[in-house]
């Protein structure tokens, strides 16, 4: 069954799966998206702390 991404938790779960699969870059990007979709700033910071590193986004 395909995974849907409707909630911040969906992105955080996918980030953990990618980290476990040895794909840290994709894990960080998914974690950043999860943090963006999280209304609580403390929870967003906790999510990003779980996947350390600098932002990998290229925004214009």
N, C-alpha and C. Protein backbone atom coordinates (compact mmCIF):
# COMPACT_ATOMS: atom_id res chain seq x y z
N UNK A 1 0.84 -1.18 0.00
CA UNK A 1 0.00 0.00 0.00
C UNK A 1 0.88 1.24 0.00
N UNK A 2 0.63 2.20 -0.89
CA UNK A 2 1.45 3.40 -0.95
C UNK A 2 1.28 4.26 0.30
N UNK A 3 2.35 4.88 0.70
CA UNK A 3 2.32 5.74 1.88
C UNK A 3 1.76 7.10 1.48
N UNK A 4 0.89 7.64 2.31
CA UNK A 4 0.36 8.98 2.06
C UNK A 4 1.05 9.97 2.99
N UNK A 5 1.14 11.19 2.58
CA UNK A 5 1.78 12.24 3.35
C UNK A 5 0.77 13.34 3.60
N UNK A 6 -0.02 13.16 4.67
CA UNK A 6 -1.05 14.12 5.03
C UNK A 6 -0.71 14.87 6.31
N UNK A 7 0.19 14.33 7.11
CA UNK A 7 0.50 14.90 8.41
C UNK A 7 2.01 15.02 8.59
N UNK A 8 2.39 15.86 9.53
CA UNK A 8 3.81 16.00 9.85
C UNK A 8 4.39 14.66 10.28
N UNK A 9 3.60 13.89 11.01
CA UNK A 9 4.07 12.59 11.48
C UNK A 9 4.39 11.65 10.32
N UNK A 10 3.67 11.78 9.21
CA UNK A 10 3.95 10.94 8.04
C UNK A 10 5.36 11.23 7.51
N UNK A 11 5.71 12.52 7.45
CA UNK A 11 7.04 12.90 6.98
C UNK A 11 8.11 12.47 7.97
N UNK A 12 7.83 12.61 9.26
CA UNK A 12 8.80 12.20 10.28
C UNK A 12 9.02 10.69 10.23
N UNK A 13 7.95 9.93 10.07
CA UNK A 13 8.09 8.47 9.96
C UNK A 13 8.92 8.09 8.74
N UNK A 14 8.65 8.75 7.61
CA UNK A 14 9.41 8.47 6.40
C UNK A 14 10.87 8.86 6.58
N UNK A 15 11.12 9.94 7.30
CA UNK A 15 12.50 10.35 7.57
C UNK A 15 13.24 9.28 8.37
N UNK A 16 12.57 8.73 9.35
CA UNK A 16 13.19 7.65 10.14
C UNK A 16 13.47 6.43 9.28
N UNK A 17 12.54 6.10 8.40
CA UNK A 17 12.75 4.96 7.50
C UNK A 17 13.96 5.20 6.59
N UNK A 18 14.09 6.40 6.07
CA UNK A 18 15.22 6.71 5.20
C UNK A 18 16.53 6.70 5.98
N UNK A 19 16.52 7.17 7.21
CA UNK A 19 17.72 7.13 8.04
C UNK A 19 18.12 5.68 8.30
N UNK A 20 17.15 4.85 8.60
CA UNK A 20 17.43 3.43 8.85
C UNK A 20 17.95 2.73 7.59
N UNK A 21 17.54 3.23 6.42
CA UNK A 21 17.96 2.64 5.15
C UNK A 21 19.30 3.21 4.67
N UNK A 22 19.91 4.08 5.48
CA UNK A 22 21.21 4.63 5.10
C UNK A 22 21.11 5.77 4.10
N UNK A 23 20.01 6.50 4.11
CA UNK A 23 19.82 7.63 3.19
C UNK A 23 19.66 8.92 3.99
N UNK A 24 20.74 9.40 4.61
CA UNK A 24 20.64 10.54 5.52
C UNK A 24 20.20 11.85 4.85
N UNK A 25 20.57 12.05 3.61
CA UNK A 25 20.18 13.29 2.93
C UNK A 25 18.67 13.34 2.76
N UNK A 26 18.09 12.27 2.26
CA UNK A 26 16.64 12.22 2.10
C UNK A 26 15.95 12.28 3.46
N UNK A 27 16.52 11.64 4.45
CA UNK A 27 15.96 11.69 5.80
C UNK A 27 15.90 13.13 6.30
N UNK A 28 16.97 13.88 6.10
CA UNK A 28 17.00 15.28 6.55
C UNK A 28 15.96 16.12 5.82
N UNK A 29 15.83 15.94 4.52
CA UNK A 29 14.83 16.70 3.77
C UNK A 29 13.41 16.39 4.25
N UNK A 30 13.13 15.14 4.50
CA UNK A 30 11.81 14.76 5.02
C UNK A 30 11.60 15.32 6.42
N UNK A 31 12.63 15.32 7.23
CA UNK A 31 12.52 15.88 8.57
C UNK A 31 12.25 17.39 8.52
N UNK A 32 12.89 18.08 7.59
CA UNK A 32 12.65 19.51 7.44
C UNK A 32 11.19 19.77 7.05
N UNK A 33 10.65 18.95 6.18
CA UNK A 33 9.26 19.10 5.79
C UNK A 33 8.34 18.80 6.98
N UNK A 34 8.66 17.78 7.76
CA UNK A 34 7.87 17.47 8.95
C UNK A 34 7.89 18.65 9.92
N UNK A 35 9.06 19.24 10.13
CA UNK A 35 9.18 20.38 11.04
C UNK A 35 8.37 21.57 10.53
N UNK A 36 8.40 21.80 9.23
CA UNK A 36 7.62 22.90 8.65
C UNK A 36 6.12 22.72 8.86
N UNK A 37 5.67 21.48 8.89
CA UNK A 37 4.25 21.19 9.03
C UNK A 37 3.81 21.03 10.49
N UNK A 38 4.73 21.22 11.40
CA UNK A 38 4.45 21.07 12.82
C UNK A 38 4.18 22.45 13.43
N UNK A 39 2.99 22.67 13.99
CA UNK A 39 2.68 24.00 14.53
C UNK A 39 3.44 24.34 15.81
N UNK A 40 3.86 23.36 16.57
CA UNK A 40 4.57 23.60 17.83
C UNK A 40 6.06 23.76 17.56
N UNK A 41 6.62 24.94 17.83
CA UNK A 41 8.05 25.16 17.53
C UNK A 41 8.97 24.23 18.32
N UNK A 42 8.59 23.85 19.52
CA UNK A 42 9.43 22.93 20.29
C UNK A 42 9.46 21.55 19.66
N UNK A 43 8.33 21.10 19.18
CA UNK A 43 8.26 19.79 18.51
C UNK A 43 9.03 19.83 17.19
N UNK A 44 8.91 20.94 16.46
CA UNK A 44 9.66 21.09 15.20
C UNK A 44 11.16 21.02 15.46
N UNK A 45 11.61 21.68 16.53
CA UNK A 45 13.03 21.65 16.88
C UNK A 45 13.47 20.24 17.26
N UNK A 46 12.60 19.50 17.97
CA UNK A 46 12.92 18.12 18.35
C UNK A 46 13.08 17.24 17.12
N UNK A 47 12.19 17.43 16.15
CA UNK A 47 12.26 16.64 14.91
C UNK A 47 13.59 16.91 14.20
N UNK A 48 13.95 18.18 14.06
CA UNK A 48 15.20 18.51 13.37
C UNK A 48 16.42 18.02 14.14
N UNK A 49 16.34 18.03 15.46
CA UNK A 49 17.47 17.55 16.27
C UNK A 49 17.69 16.05 16.09
N UNK A 50 16.63 15.34 15.75
CA UNK A 50 16.75 13.90 15.52
C UNK A 50 17.54 13.60 14.24
N UNK A 51 17.57 14.58 13.33
CA UNK A 51 18.27 14.44 12.05
C UNK A 51 19.21 15.63 11.89
N UNK A 52 20.35 15.62 12.57
CA UNK A 52 21.23 16.79 12.59
C UNK A 52 21.80 17.12 11.21
N UNK A 53 22.18 18.35 11.08
CA UNK A 53 22.80 18.82 9.85
C UNK A 53 22.22 20.15 9.43
N UNK A 54 22.80 20.70 8.41
CA UNK A 54 22.33 21.98 7.88
C UNK A 54 21.19 21.72 6.90
N UNK A 55 20.43 22.76 6.67
CA UNK A 55 19.34 22.65 5.70
C UNK A 55 19.92 22.29 4.34
N UNK A 56 19.25 21.40 3.67
CA UNK A 56 19.70 20.95 2.35
C UNK A 56 18.82 21.51 1.23
N UNK A 57 17.87 22.33 1.59
CA UNK A 57 16.94 22.88 0.60
C UNK A 57 17.62 23.95 -0.24
N UNK A 58 17.19 24.01 -1.46
CA UNK A 58 17.64 25.05 -2.37
C UNK A 58 16.44 25.87 -2.75
N UNK A 59 16.23 26.95 -2.02
CA UNK A 59 15.07 27.79 -2.28
C UNK A 59 15.53 29.08 -2.94
N UNK A 60 14.68 29.58 -3.81
CA UNK A 60 15.03 30.83 -4.49
C UNK A 60 14.40 32.02 -3.84
